[in-house]
Amino acid sequence: MSFKNSDEQTIQKYLKSAKNIAIVGLSNKEDRTSYQVAKFLQEQGYQIFPVNPVLAGKTILGEPVYEKLQDIPETIDIVDIFRRSEFLPEVAQDFLETDAKVFWAQLEIENEAAAKLLQEAGRTDIVMNRCTKIEWKKMTQ
């Protein structure tokens, strides 16, 4: 891949300035990484917005689950993605239909086509293959 993440300071800036984080692919199963990361972010004071079409209308971690990013009524600072790499272009397309600020794909999740789609649309705040929880912990050490 030719996509390269921003420097550490920029990634930390994303987390420091964020208030609202959409969690795409959030599971309601407590043993799943997406659930554990979302719970951690919530405990750090972020407002989370679960996005999972299968669970839309239910609640996870006390928050209503949305079918898609476009359904969230608030401005999203970070879209934290827990979907397989091959689904990132689809998520990127949804992202482009919102005013969300940062497209963030979790560890081992990256897709060059998604990065290109976002960059061509002028949306260059992109992080891939990094964990929000790990980055938050590094930032606060």
N, C-alpha and C. Protein backbone atom coordinates (compact mmCIF):
# COMPACT_ATOMS: atom_id res chain seq x y z
N MET A 1 0.84 -1.20 0.00
CA MET A 1 0.00 0.00 0.00
C MET A 1 0.88 1.25 0.00
N SER A 2 0.41 2.28 -0.68
CA SER A 2 1.16 3.53 -0.68
C SER A 2 0.58 4.53 0.33
N PHE A 3 -0.60 4.23 0.89
CA PHE A 3 -1.16 5.12 1.90
C PHE A 3 -0.26 5.13 3.13
N LYS A 4 -0.05 6.32 3.68
CA LYS A 4 0.73 6.45 4.91
C LYS A 4 -0.07 7.28 5.90
N ASN A 5 -0.08 6.83 7.15
CA ASN A 5 -0.76 7.58 8.21
C ASN A 5 -0.06 8.90 8.47
N SER A 6 -0.80 9.81 9.06
CA SER A 6 -0.23 11.07 9.51
C SER A 6 0.75 10.80 10.63
N ASP A 7 1.51 11.82 11.00
CA ASP A 7 2.47 11.67 12.10
C ASP A 7 1.75 11.52 13.44
N GLU A 8 2.51 11.13 14.45
CA GLU A 8 1.94 10.87 15.78
C GLU A 8 1.19 12.08 16.36
N GLN A 9 1.76 13.27 16.16
CA GLN A 9 1.13 14.47 16.71
C GLN A 9 -0.25 14.70 16.10
N THR A 10 -0.38 14.46 14.81
CA THR A 10 -1.67 14.64 14.14
C THR A 10 -2.67 13.61 14.64
N ILE A 11 -2.25 12.37 14.77
CA ILE A 11 -3.14 11.32 15.27
C ILE A 11 -3.59 11.65 16.69
N GLN A 12 -2.68 12.13 17.52
CA GLN A 12 -3.05 12.53 18.89
C GLN A 12 -4.00 13.72 18.88
N LYS A 13 -3.78 14.65 17.95
CA LYS A 13 -4.67 15.81 17.83
C LYS A 13 -6.10 15.36 17.52
N TYR A 14 -6.23 14.35 16.66
CA TYR A 14 -7.56 13.83 16.35
C TYR A 14 -8.26 13.37 17.63
N LEU A 15 -7.55 12.62 18.46
CA LEU A 15 -8.15 12.10 19.70
C LEU A 15 -8.40 13.19 20.72
N LYS A 16 -7.48 14.16 20.82
CA LYS A 16 -7.63 15.24 21.80
C LYS A 16 -8.81 16.15 21.48
N SER A 17 -9.05 16.38 20.20
CA SER A 17 -10.11 17.32 19.82
C SER A 17 -11.48 16.64 19.66
N ALA A 18 -11.51 15.33 19.61
CA ALA A 18 -12.76 14.60 19.37
C ALA A 18 -13.66 14.58 20.61
N LYS A 19 -14.95 14.60 20.34
CA LYS A 19 -15.96 14.41 21.38
C LYS A 19 -16.90 13.26 21.00
N ASN A 20 -17.28 13.22 19.72
CA ASN A 20 -18.22 12.22 19.22
C ASN A 20 -17.52 11.21 18.32
N ILE A 21 -17.67 9.92 18.65
CA ILE A 21 -17.03 8.87 17.87
C ILE A 21 -18.09 7.85 17.45
N ALA A 22 -18.24 7.69 16.14
CA ALA A 22 -19.11 6.64 15.60
C ALA A 22 -18.29 5.36 15.53
N ILE A 23 -18.86 4.26 16.00
CA ILE A 23 -18.17 2.97 15.97
C ILE A 23 -18.89 2.08 14.95
N VAL A 24 -18.30 1.97 13.76
CA VAL A 24 -18.91 1.19 12.68
C VAL A 24 -18.53 -0.27 12.85
N GLY A 25 -19.56 -1.13 12.91
CA GLY A 25 -19.31 -2.56 13.11
C GLY A 25 -19.25 -2.93 14.58
N LEU A 26 -19.79 -2.08 15.45
CA LEU A 26 -19.78 -2.37 16.89
C LEU A 26 -20.65 -3.58 17.19
N SER A 27 -20.08 -4.52 17.90
CA SER A 27 -20.79 -5.73 18.31
C SER A 27 -21.39 -5.52 19.69
N ASN A 28 -22.48 -6.23 19.96
CA ASN A 28 -23.07 -6.20 21.30
C ASN A 28 -22.52 -7.33 22.18
N LYS A 29 -21.53 -8.05 21.67
CA LYS A 29 -20.91 -9.14 22.43
C LYS A 29 -19.71 -8.58 23.20
N GLU A 30 -19.74 -8.72 24.51
CA GLU A 30 -18.75 -8.10 25.38
C GLU A 30 -17.33 -8.61 25.16
N ASP A 31 -17.15 -9.80 24.57
CA ASP A 31 -15.81 -10.34 24.36
C ASP A 31 -15.18 -9.85 23.05
N ARG A 32 -15.92 -9.11 22.25
CA ARG A 32 -15.40 -8.61 20.97
C ARG A 32 -14.57 -7.34 21.18
N THR A 33 -13.54 -7.22 20.39
CA THR A 33 -12.66 -6.05 20.47
C THR A 33 -13.43 -4.75 20.26
N SER A 34 -14.36 -4.74 19.31
CA SER A 34 -15.11 -3.51 19.05
C SER A 34 -15.86 -3.06 20.30
N TYR A 35 -16.45 -3.99 21.02
CA TYR A 35 -17.19 -3.66 22.24
C TYR A 35 -16.23 -3.13 23.31
N GLN A 36 -15.11 -3.80 23.48
CA GLN A 36 -14.14 -3.40 24.51
C GLN A 36 -13.56 -2.02 24.22
N VAL A 37 -13.24 -1.74 22.96
CA VAL A 37 -12.70 -0.43 22.60
C VAL A 37 -13.77 0.65 22.78
N ALA A 38 -14.99 0.37 22.33
CA ALA A 38 -16.08 1.35 22.48
C ALA A 38 -16.34 1.66 23.95
N LYS A 39 -16.34 0.63 24.78
CA LYS A 39 -16.55 0.84 26.21
C LYS A 39 -15.43 1.69 26.80
N PHE A 40 -14.20 1.40 26.41
CA PHE A 40 -13.05 2.18 26.88
C PHE A 40 -13.19 3.65 26.47
N LEU A 41 -13.52 3.89 25.21
CA LEU A 41 -13.66 5.26 24.72
C LEU A 41 -14.77 5.99 25.48
N GLN A 42 -15.86 5.29 25.72
CA GLN A 42 -16.98 5.86 26.47
C GLN A 42 -16.52 6.22 27.89
N GLU A 43 -15.74 5.36 28.50
CA GLU A 43 -15.23 5.61 29.86
C GLU A 43 -14.27 6.80 29.90
N GLN A 44 -13.66 7.13 28.77
CA GLN A 44 -12.75 8.29 28.71
C GLN A 44 -13.51 9.59 28.44
N GLY A 45 -14.82 9.50 28.31
CA GLY A 45 -15.64 10.69 28.14
C GLY A 45 -16.12 10.98 26.73
N TYR A 46 -15.79 10.11 25.79
CA TYR A 46 -16.28 10.30 24.43
C TYR A 46 -17.74 9.86 24.35
N GLN A 47 -18.51 10.56 23.52
CA GLN A 47 -19.88 10.14 23.20
C GLN A 47 -19.76 9.16 22.04
N ILE A 48 -20.22 7.93 22.24
CA ILE A 48 -20.13 6.95 21.15
C ILE A 48 -21.48 6.80 20.45
N PHE A 49 -21.40 6.47 19.17
CA PHE A 49 -22.57 6.26 18.33
C PHE A 49 -22.40 4.93 17.62
N PRO A 50 -23.01 3.86 18.14
CA PRO A 50 -22.89 2.54 17.50
C PRO A 50 -23.54 2.53 16.11
N VAL A 51 -22.85 1.92 15.14
CA VAL A 51 -23.39 1.76 13.79
C VAL A 51 -23.27 0.29 13.43
N ASN A 52 -24.44 -0.34 13.27
CA ASN A 52 -24.49 -1.76 12.92
C ASN A 52 -25.89 -2.05 12.37
N PRO A 53 -26.02 -2.25 11.05
CA PRO A 53 -27.35 -2.44 10.46
C PRO A 53 -28.11 -3.63 11.05
N VAL A 54 -27.41 -4.66 11.46
CA VAL A 54 -28.07 -5.85 12.02
C VAL A 54 -28.71 -5.53 13.38
N LEU A 55 -28.11 -4.62 14.13
CA LEU A 55 -28.59 -4.29 15.48
C LEU A 55 -29.30 -2.94 15.55
N ALA A 56 -29.54 -2.31 14.41
CA ALA A 56 -30.19 -0.99 14.38
C ALA A 56 -31.49 -1.01 15.17
N GLY A 57 -31.70 0.03 15.97
CA GLY A 57 -32.90 0.13 16.78
C GLY A 57 -32.71 -0.42 18.19
N LYS A 58 -31.66 -1.19 18.41
CA LYS A 58 -31.36 -1.70 19.74
C LYS A 58 -30.40 -0.74 20.42
N THR A 59 -29.88 -1.13 21.58
CA THR A 59 -28.87 -0.30 22.25
C THR A 59 -27.64 -1.15 22.55
N ILE A 60 -26.49 -0.47 22.51
CA ILE A 60 -25.21 -1.08 22.93
C ILE A 60 -24.55 -0.05 23.84
N LEU A 61 -24.11 -0.49 25.00
CA LEU A 61 -23.48 0.39 25.98
C LEU A 61 -24.37 1.59 26.29
N GLY A 62 -25.68 1.35 26.29
CA GLY A 62 -26.65 2.39 26.64
C GLY A 62 -26.94 3.38 25.53
N GLU A 63 -26.39 3.16 24.35
CA GLU A 63 -26.57 4.10 23.23
C GLU A 63 -27.37 3.45 22.11
N PRO A 64 -28.24 4.22 21.45
CA PRO A 64 -29.01 3.66 20.33
C PRO A 64 -28.09 3.29 19.17
N VAL A 65 -28.41 2.18 18.53
CA VAL A 65 -27.62 1.71 17.40
C VAL A 65 -28.24 2.23 16.11
N TYR A 66 -27.39 2.80 15.26
CA TYR A 66 -27.83 3.34 13.98
C TYR A 66 -27.55 2.34 12.87
N GLU A 67 -28.40 2.38 11.84
CA GLU A 67 -28.21 1.48 10.70
C GLU A 67 -27.00 1.89 9.87
N LYS A 68 -26.82 3.20 9.68
CA LYS A 68 -25.70 3.69 8.86
C LYS A 68 -25.23 5.04 9.39
N LEU A 69 -24.03 5.43 8.99
CA LEU A 69 -23.44 6.69 9.44
C LEU A 69 -24.35 7.88 9.18
N GLN A 70 -25.00 7.86 8.02
CA GLN A 70 -25.83 8.99 7.62
C GLN A 70 -27.03 9.21 8.56
N ASP A 71 -27.37 8.22 9.37
CA ASP A 71 -28.51 8.33 10.28
C ASP A 71 -28.18 9.05 11.59
N ILE A 72 -26.90 9.25 11.87
CA ILE A 72 -26.50 9.86 13.14
C ILE A 72 -26.81 11.35 13.10
N PRO A 73 -27.58 11.86 14.09
CA PRO A 73 -28.02 13.26 14.05
C PRO A 73 -26.98 14.27 14.54
N GLU A 74 -25.85 13.81 15.02
CA GLU A 74 -24.81 14.70 15.54
C GLU A 74 -23.63 14.75 14.56
N THR A 75 -22.79 15.77 14.72
CA THR A 75 -21.55 15.83 13.96
C THR A 75 -20.57 14.83 14.57
N ILE A 76 -19.97 14.01 13.74
CA ILE A 76 -19.06 12.98 14.21
C ILE A 76 -17.62 13.45 13.99
N ASP A 77 -16.81 13.34 15.04
CA ASP A 77 -15.41 13.73 14.95
C ASP A 77 -14.55 12.61 14.37
N ILE A 78 -14.78 11.39 14.85
CA ILE A 78 -14.01 10.23 14.37
C ILE A 78 -14.99 9.11 14.02
N VAL A 79 -14.80 8.51 12.86
CA VAL A 79 -15.53 7.30 12.50
C VAL A 79 -14.54 6.16 12.69
N ASP A 80 -14.74 5.37 13.74
CA ASP A 80 -13.85 4.28 14.14
C ASP A 80 -14.42 2.98 13.56
N ILE A 81 -13.66 2.35 12.67
CA ILE A 81 -14.22 1.27 11.85
C ILE A 81 -13.69 -0.10 12.25
N PHE A 82 -14.62 -1.00 12.53
CA PHE A 82 -14.34 -2.41 12.85
C PHE A 82 -15.00 -3.29 11.80
N ARG A 83 -14.70 -3.06 10.54
CA ARG A 83 -15.17 -3.90 9.45
C ARG A 83 -13.95 -4.41 8.70
N ARG A 84 -14.08 -5.54 8.04
CA ARG A 84 -12.95 -6.09 7.29
C ARG A 84 -12.49 -5.10 6.20
N SER A 85 -11.23 -5.19 5.87
CA SER A 85 -10.61 -4.27 4.91
C SER A 85 -11.39 -4.15 3.60
N GLU A 86 -11.93 -5.25 3.11
CA GLU A 86 -12.63 -5.19 1.82
C GLU A 86 -13.90 -4.34 1.87
N PHE A 87 -14.41 -4.05 3.08
CA PHE A 87 -15.60 -3.23 3.20
C PHE A 87 -15.29 -1.74 3.37
N LEU A 88 -14.02 -1.38 3.46
CA LEU A 88 -13.66 0.03 3.69
C LEU A 88 -14.12 0.97 2.56
N PRO A 89 -14.05 0.59 1.29
CA PRO A 89 -14.56 1.52 0.27
C PRO A 89 -16.04 1.85 0.48
N GLU A 90 -16.82 0.87 0.87
CA GLU A 90 -18.25 1.09 1.15
C GLU A 90 -18.42 2.05 2.34
N VAL A 91 -17.64 1.84 3.39
CA VAL A 91 -17.70 2.73 4.55
C VAL A 91 -17.21 4.12 4.17
N ALA A 92 -16.18 4.19 3.34
CA ALA A 92 -15.66 5.49 2.88
C ALA A 92 -16.74 6.25 2.11
N GLN A 93 -17.50 5.55 1.30
CA GLN A 93 -18.59 6.20 0.54
C GLN A 93 -19.63 6.76 1.51
N ASP A 94 -20.00 6.00 2.52
CA ASP A 94 -20.94 6.50 3.53
C ASP A 94 -20.34 7.71 4.25
N PHE A 95 -19.07 7.62 4.60
CA PHE A 95 -18.35 8.70 5.28
C PHE A 95 -18.45 10.00 4.47
N LEU A 96 -18.28 9.89 3.16
CA LEU A 96 -18.32 11.06 2.29
C LEU A 96 -19.70 11.72 2.25
N GLU A 97 -20.72 10.98 2.64
CA GLU A 97 -22.08 11.52 2.66
C GLU A 97 -22.42 12.16 4.01
N THR A 98 -21.42 12.31 4.86
CA THR A 98 -21.59 12.95 6.17
C THR A 98 -20.59 14.09 6.32
N ASP A 99 -20.69 14.80 7.44
CA ASP A 99 -19.69 15.83 7.73
C ASP A 99 -18.69 15.33 8.77
N ALA A 100 -18.57 14.01 8.90
CA ALA A 100 -17.60 13.42 9.84
C ALA A 100 -16.20 13.90 9.47
N LYS A 101 -15.35 14.01 10.49
CA LYS A 101 -14.04 14.62 10.27
C LYS A 101 -12.92 13.61 9.98
N VAL A 102 -12.82 12.54 10.77
CA VAL A 102 -11.69 11.61 10.65
C VAL A 102 -12.18 10.20 10.35
N PHE A 103 -11.61 9.61 9.32
CA PHE A 103 -11.88 8.23 8.93
C PHE A 103 -10.79 7.38 9.56
N TRP A 104 -11.15 6.49 10.49
CA TRP A 104 -10.16 5.74 11.27
C TRP A 104 -10.48 4.24 11.20
N ALA A 105 -9.60 3.48 10.55
CA ALA A 105 -9.76 2.03 10.47
C ALA A 105 -8.86 1.36 11.51
N GLN A 106 -9.41 0.42 12.23
CA GLN A 106 -8.71 -0.23 13.34
C GLN A 106 -7.53 -1.09 12.89
N LEU A 107 -6.84 -1.67 13.87
CA LEU A 107 -5.67 -2.51 13.62
C LEU A 107 -5.95 -3.57 12.56
N GLU A 108 -4.98 -3.73 11.66
CA GLU A 108 -5.04 -4.72 10.58
C GLU A 108 -6.14 -4.46 9.56
N ILE A 109 -6.70 -3.24 9.59
CA ILE A 109 -7.74 -2.88 8.63
C ILE A 109 -7.22 -1.71 7.80
N GLU A 110 -7.04 -1.96 6.50
CA GLU A 110 -6.62 -0.90 5.60
C GLU A 110 -7.01 -1.26 4.18
N ASN A 111 -7.21 -0.22 3.36
CA ASN A 111 -7.63 -0.46 2.00
C ASN A 111 -7.23 0.75 1.15
N GLU A 112 -6.38 0.52 0.19
CA GLU A 112 -5.86 1.59 -0.67
C GLU A 112 -6.97 2.28 -1.46
N ALA A 113 -7.93 1.51 -1.96
CA ALA A 113 -9.02 2.09 -2.75
C ALA A 113 -9.85 3.05 -1.90
N ALA A 114 -10.08 2.69 -0.64
CA ALA A 114 -10.84 3.58 0.26
C ALA A 114 -10.07 4.86 0.51
N ALA A 115 -8.77 4.75 0.75
CA ALA A 115 -7.93 5.93 0.98
C ALA A 115 -7.96 6.84 -0.25
N LYS A 116 -7.85 6.25 -1.42
CA LYS A 116 -7.85 7.03 -2.67
C LYS A 116 -9.19 7.74 -2.86
N LEU A 117 -10.28 7.04 -2.60
CA LEU A 117 -11.62 7.61 -2.72
C LEU A 117 -11.76 8.84 -1.80
N LEU A 118 -11.32 8.70 -0.57
CA LEU A 118 -11.39 9.80 0.40
C LEU A 118 -10.50 10.96 -0.02
N GLN A 119 -9.26 10.66 -0.40
CA GLN A 119 -8.31 11.71 -0.77
C GLN A 119 -8.77 12.47 -2.01
N GLU A 120 -9.32 11.75 -2.98
CA GLU A 120 -9.81 12.41 -4.20
C GLU A 120 -10.98 13.34 -3.90
N ALA A 121 -11.71 13.06 -2.81
CA ALA A 121 -12.82 13.92 -2.40
C ALA A 121 -12.35 15.04 -1.47
N GLY A 122 -11.04 15.12 -1.25
CA GLY A 122 -10.50 16.16 -0.39
C GLY A 122 -10.59 15.87 1.10
N ARG A 123 -10.89 14.64 1.44
CA ARG A 123 -11.01 14.24 2.85
C ARG A 123 -9.73 13.50 3.22
N THR A 124 -8.78 14.20 3.79
CA THR A 124 -7.44 13.65 4.01
C THR A 124 -7.14 13.29 5.46
N ASP A 125 -8.11 13.46 6.36
CA ASP A 125 -7.90 13.05 7.76
C ASP A 125 -8.26 11.57 7.86
N ILE A 126 -7.24 10.75 7.58
CA ILE A 126 -7.43 9.30 7.48
C ILE A 126 -6.38 8.60 8.34
N VAL A 127 -6.83 7.61 9.11
CA VAL A 127 -5.93 6.76 9.88
C VAL A 127 -6.33 5.32 9.58
N MET A 128 -5.34 4.47 9.29
CA MET A 128 -5.63 3.05 9.06
C MET A 128 -4.64 2.20 9.82
N ASN A 129 -5.10 1.01 10.19
CA ASN A 129 -4.27 0.03 10.88
C ASN A 129 -3.73 0.57 12.22
N ARG A 130 -4.57 1.31 12.93
CA ARG A 130 -4.22 1.83 14.25
C ARG A 130 -5.45 1.69 15.15
N CYS A 131 -5.21 1.46 16.43
CA CYS A 131 -6.29 1.29 17.40
C CYS A 131 -6.49 2.57 18.21
N THR A 132 -7.72 3.06 18.26
CA THR A 132 -8.02 4.27 19.03
C THR A 132 -7.66 4.10 20.51
N LYS A 133 -7.93 2.93 21.05
CA LYS A 133 -7.63 2.69 22.47
C LYS A 133 -6.12 2.73 22.72
N ILE A 134 -5.35 2.06 21.90
CA ILE A 134 -3.89 2.04 22.05
C ILE A 134 -3.33 3.45 21.87
N GLU A 135 -3.81 4.16 20.86
CA GLU A 135 -3.32 5.51 20.61
C GLU A 135 -3.69 6.44 21.76
N TRP A 136 -4.87 6.28 22.33
CA TRP A 136 -5.28 7.10 23.47
C TRP A 136 -4.35 6.84 24.65
N LYS A 137 -4.05 5.57 24.90
CA LYS A 137 -3.16 5.23 26.02
C LYS A 137 -1.76 5.78 25.80
N LYS A 138 -1.25 5.72 24.56
CA LYS A 138 0.08 6.28 24.27
C LYS A 138 0.07 7.80 24.51
N MET A 139 -1.02 8.43 24.13
CA MET A 139 -1.13 9.87 24.25
C MET A 139 -1.13 10.34 25.70
N THR A 140 -1.64 9.51 26.58
CA THR A 140 -1.80 9.93 27.98
C THR A 140 -0.69 9.40 28.90
N GLN A 141 0.31 8.75 28.32
CA GLN A 141 1.42 8.25 29.15
C GLN A 141 2.39 9.35 29.49
